[in-house]
């Protein structure tokens, strides 16, 4: 799994993940979120369009990222989740706290 981070002109950090978010790779997600927040970007959009699988460890990384962003005064919003990821979020009711938006432009349209 790889994560590419881009900081948009509006200050939103778009983290594009691809591959699988599982026990082996969940730490990568946590570290990248923490790094971006430590760099002063607490408004995060995690693009999951390239993620083909997520397990409970991956869900834990998403919740951890949400807490990290919120503790810095920001938020973590999910973008373009694949059907597998969206299905797991629905099954676990995490879609209630981790909202999924169609694209990065939609995540922080307030």
C-alpha atoms as a PDB file:
ATOM      1  CA  UNK A   1       0.000   0.000   0.000  1.00  0.00           C
ATOM      2  CA  UNK A   2       1.180   3.490  -0.865  1.00  0.00           C
ATOM      3  CA  UNK A   3      -0.099   6.912   0.169  1.00  0.00           C
ATOM      4  CA  UNK A   4       0.525  10.051  -1.844  1.00  0.00           C
ATOM      5  CA  UNK A   5      -0.176  13.355  -0.125  1.00  0.00           C
ATOM      6  CA  UNK A   6      -0.996  16.605  -1.887  1.00  0.00           C
ATOM      7  CA  UNK A   7      -1.705  19.891  -0.138  1.00  0.00           C
ATOM      8  CA  UNK A   8      -4.333  21.905  -1.987  1.00  0.00           C
ATOM      9  CA  UNK A   9      -4.295  25.729  -2.139  1.00  0.00           C
ATOM     10  CA  UNK A  10      -7.215  25.811   0.327  1.00  0.00           C
ATOM     11  CA  UNK A  11      -5.058  23.958   2.882  1.00  0.00           C
ATOM     12  CA  UNK A  12      -6.831  20.605   2.619  1.00  0.00           C
ATOM     13  CA  UNK A  13      -4.423  17.678   2.578  1.00  0.00           C
ATOM     14  CA  UNK A  14      -5.542  15.001   0.121  1.00  0.00           C
ATOM     15  CA  UNK A  15      -4.084  11.609   0.984  1.00  0.00           C
ATOM     16  CA  UNK A  16      -4.541   9.134  -1.875  1.00  0.00           C
ATOM     17  CA  UNK A  17      -4.166   5.529  -0.741  1.00  0.00           C
ATOM     18  CA  UNK A  18      -3.979   2.468  -2.938  1.00  0.00           C
ATOM     19  CA  UNK A  19      -3.839  -1.253  -2.294  1.00  0.00           C
ATOM     20  CA  UNK A  20      -4.994  -2.908   0.900  1.00  0.00           C
ATOM     21  CA  UNK A  21      -5.408  -1.323   4.326  1.00  0.00           C
ATOM     22  CA  UNK A  22      -4.970  -4.186   6.740  1.00  0.00           C
ATOM     23  CA  UNK A  23      -2.945  -5.310   9.750  1.00  0.00           C
ATOM     24  CA  UNK A  24       0.301  -4.949   7.806  1.00  0.00           C
ATOM     25  CA  UNK A  25      -0.373  -1.490   6.315  1.00  0.00           C
ATOM     26  CA  UNK A  26      -2.593   0.240   8.894  1.00  0.00           C
ATOM     27  CA  UNK A  27       0.476   1.710  10.595  1.00  0.00           C
ATOM     28  CA  UNK A  28       1.390   3.469   7.339  1.00  0.00           C
ATOM     29  CA  UNK A  29      -1.978   5.234   7.337  1.00  0.00           C
ATOM     30  CA  UNK A  30      -1.620   6.278  10.985  1.00  0.00           C
ATOM     31  CA  UNK A  31       1.909   7.602  10.448  1.00  0.00           C
ATOM     32  CA  UNK A  32       1.033   9.584   7.327  1.00  0.00           C
ATOM     33  CA  UNK A  33      -1.993  11.190   8.984  1.00  0.00           C
ATOM     34  CA  UNK A  34       0.127  12.093  12.020  1.00  0.00           C
ATOM     35  CA  UNK A  35       2.902  13.497   9.784  1.00  0.00           C
ATOM     36  CA  UNK A  36       0.471  15.675   7.827  1.00  0.00           C
ATOM     37  CA  UNK A  37      -1.221  16.953  10.991  1.00  0.00           C
ATOM     38  CA  UNK A  38       2.177  17.645  12.578  1.00  0.00           C
ATOM     39  CA  UNK A  39       3.012  19.695   9.464  1.00  0.00           C
ATOM     40  CA  UNK A  40       0.008  21.917  10.240  1.00  0.00           C
ATOM     41  CA  UNK A  41      -2.680  20.454   7.972  1.00  0.00           C
ATOM     42  CA  UNK A  42      -5.568  19.183  10.098  1.00  0.00           C
ATOM     43  CA  UNK A  43      -8.221  19.169   7.354  1.00  0.00           C
ATOM     44  CA  UNK A  44      -7.702  15.837   5.609  1.00  0.00           C
ATOM     45  CA  UNK A  45      -9.442  14.130   2.709  1.00  0.00           C
ATOM     46  CA  UNK A  46      -8.486  10.453   2.450  1.00  0.00           C
ATOM     47  CA  UNK A  47      -9.033   9.287  -1.128  1.00  0.00           C
ATOM     48  CA  UNK A  48      -9.898   5.583  -1.036  1.00  0.00           C
ATOM     49  CA  UNK A  49     -10.610   5.108  -4.757  1.00  0.00           C
ATOM     50  CA  UNK A  50      -7.489   2.937  -5.058  1.00  0.00           C
ATOM     51  CA  UNK A  51      -8.168   0.809  -1.959  1.00  0.00           C
ATOM     52  CA  UNK A  52      -9.505  -2.622  -2.842  1.00  0.00           C
ATOM     53  CA  UNK A  53      -9.653  -4.087   0.687  1.00  0.00           C
ATOM     54  CA  UNK A  54      -9.920  -2.928   4.286  1.00  0.00           C
ATOM     55  CA  UNK A  55     -10.095  -4.992   7.473  1.00  0.00           C
ATOM     56  CA  UNK A  56     -10.633  -4.200  11.149  1.00  0.00           C
ATOM     57  CA  UNK A  57      -7.060  -2.946  11.537  1.00  0.00           C
ATOM     58  CA  UNK A  58      -7.629  -0.596   8.623  1.00  0.00           C
ATOM     59  CA  UNK A  59     -10.857   0.648  10.185  1.00  0.00           C
ATOM     60  CA  UNK A  60      -8.940   1.251  13.393  1.00  0.00           C
ATOM     61  CA  UNK A  61      -6.426   3.340  11.442  1.00  0.00           C
ATOM     62  CA  UNK A  62      -9.238   5.438   9.974  1.00  0.00           C
ATOM     63  CA  UNK A  63     -10.767   6.060  13.415  1.00  0.00           C
ATOM     64  CA  UNK A  64      -7.316   6.881  14.792  1.00  0.00           C
ATOM     65  CA  UNK A  65      -6.781   9.335  11.939  1.00  0.00           C
ATOM     66  CA  UNK A  66     -10.132  10.955  12.657  1.00  0.00           C
ATOM     67  CA  UNK A  67      -9.172  11.426  16.316  1.00  0.00           C
ATOM     68  CA  UNK A  68      -5.756  12.812  15.358  1.00  0.00           C
ATOM     69  CA  UNK A  69      -7.247  15.344  12.956  1.00  0.00           C
ATOM     70  CA  UNK A  70     -10.014  16.403  15.320  1.00  0.00           C
ATOM     71  CA  UNK A  71      -7.637  16.833  18.247  1.00  0.00           C
ATOM     72  CA  UNK A  72      -5.754  19.339  16.053  1.00  0.00           C
ATOM     73  CA  UNK A  73      -8.974  21.217  15.276  1.00  0.00           C
ATOM     74  CA  UNK A  74      -9.602  19.603  11.898  1.00  0.00           C
ATOM     75  CA  UNK A  75     -11.366  16.591  10.467  1.00  0.00           C
ATOM     76  CA  UNK A  76     -10.756  13.462   8.401  1.00  0.00           C
ATOM     77  CA  UNK A  77     -13.207  12.907   5.574  1.00  0.00           C
ATOM     78  CA  UNK A  78     -13.235   9.897   3.300  1.00  0.00           C
ATOM     79  CA  UNK A  79     -13.424  10.301  -0.444  1.00  0.00           C
ATOM     80  CA  UNK A  80     -14.429   7.964  -3.292  1.00  0.00           C
ATOM     81  CA  UNK A  81     -14.561   4.755  -1.257  1.00  0.00           C
ATOM     82  CA  UNK A  82     -14.705   1.586  -3.322  1.00  0.00           C
ATOM     83  CA  UNK A  83     -17.719  -0.685  -2.893  1.00  0.00           C
ATOM     84  CA  UNK A  84     -15.755  -3.080  -0.655  1.00  0.00           C
ATOM     85  CA  UNK A  85     -14.661  -0.272   1.664  1.00  0.00           C
ATOM     86  CA  UNK A  86     -18.097   1.379   1.670  1.00  0.00           C
ATOM     87  CA  UNK A  87     -19.713  -1.987   2.449  1.00  0.00           C
ATOM     88  CA  UNK A  88     -17.431  -2.576   5.442  1.00  0.00           C
ATOM     89  CA  UNK A  89     -18.134   0.941   6.715  1.00  0.00           C
ATOM     90  CA  UNK A  90     -21.891   0.289   6.465  1.00  0.00           C
ATOM     91  CA  UNK A  91     -21.668  -3.155   8.120  1.00  0.00           C
ATOM     92  CA  UNK A  92     -19.795  -1.708  11.075  1.00  0.00           C
ATOM     93  CA  UNK A  93     -21.919   1.478  11.224  1.00  0.00           C
ATOM     94  CA  UNK A  94     -18.727   3.513  10.915  1.00  0.00           C
ATOM     95  CA  UNK A  95     -20.296   5.285   7.950  1.00  0.00           C
ATOM     96  CA  UNK A  96     -22.122   7.330  10.589  1.00  0.00           C
ATOM     97  CA  UNK A  97     -18.920   8.929  11.872  1.00  0.00           C
ATOM     98  CA  UNK A  98     -16.682   8.551   8.815  1.00  0.00           C
ATOM     99  CA  UNK A  99     -18.699  10.130   6.033  1.00  0.00           C
ATOM    100  CA  UNK A 100     -17.808   9.316   2.447  1.00  0.00           C
ATOM    101  CA  UNK A 101     -17.840  12.065  -0.169  1.00  0.00           C
ATOM    102  CA  UNK A 102     -17.780  11.614  -3.960  1.00  0.00           C
ATOM    103  CA  UNK A 103     -14.503  13.504  -4.456  1.00  0.00           C
ATOM    104  CA  UNK A 104     -11.940  15.729  -2.726  1.00  0.00           C
ATOM    105  CA  UNK A 105     -13.715  18.881  -3.907  1.00  0.00           C
ATOM    106  CA  UNK A 106     -16.908  17.714  -2.176  1.00  0.00           C
ATOM    107  CA  UNK A 107     -15.312  16.804   1.161  1.00  0.00           C
ATOM    108  CA  UNK A 108     -14.890  20.360   2.427  1.00  0.00           C
ATOM    109  CA  UNK A 109     -17.495  22.203   0.427  1.00  0.00           C
ATOM    110  CA  UNK A 110     -19.085  24.204   3.252  1.00  0.00           C
END
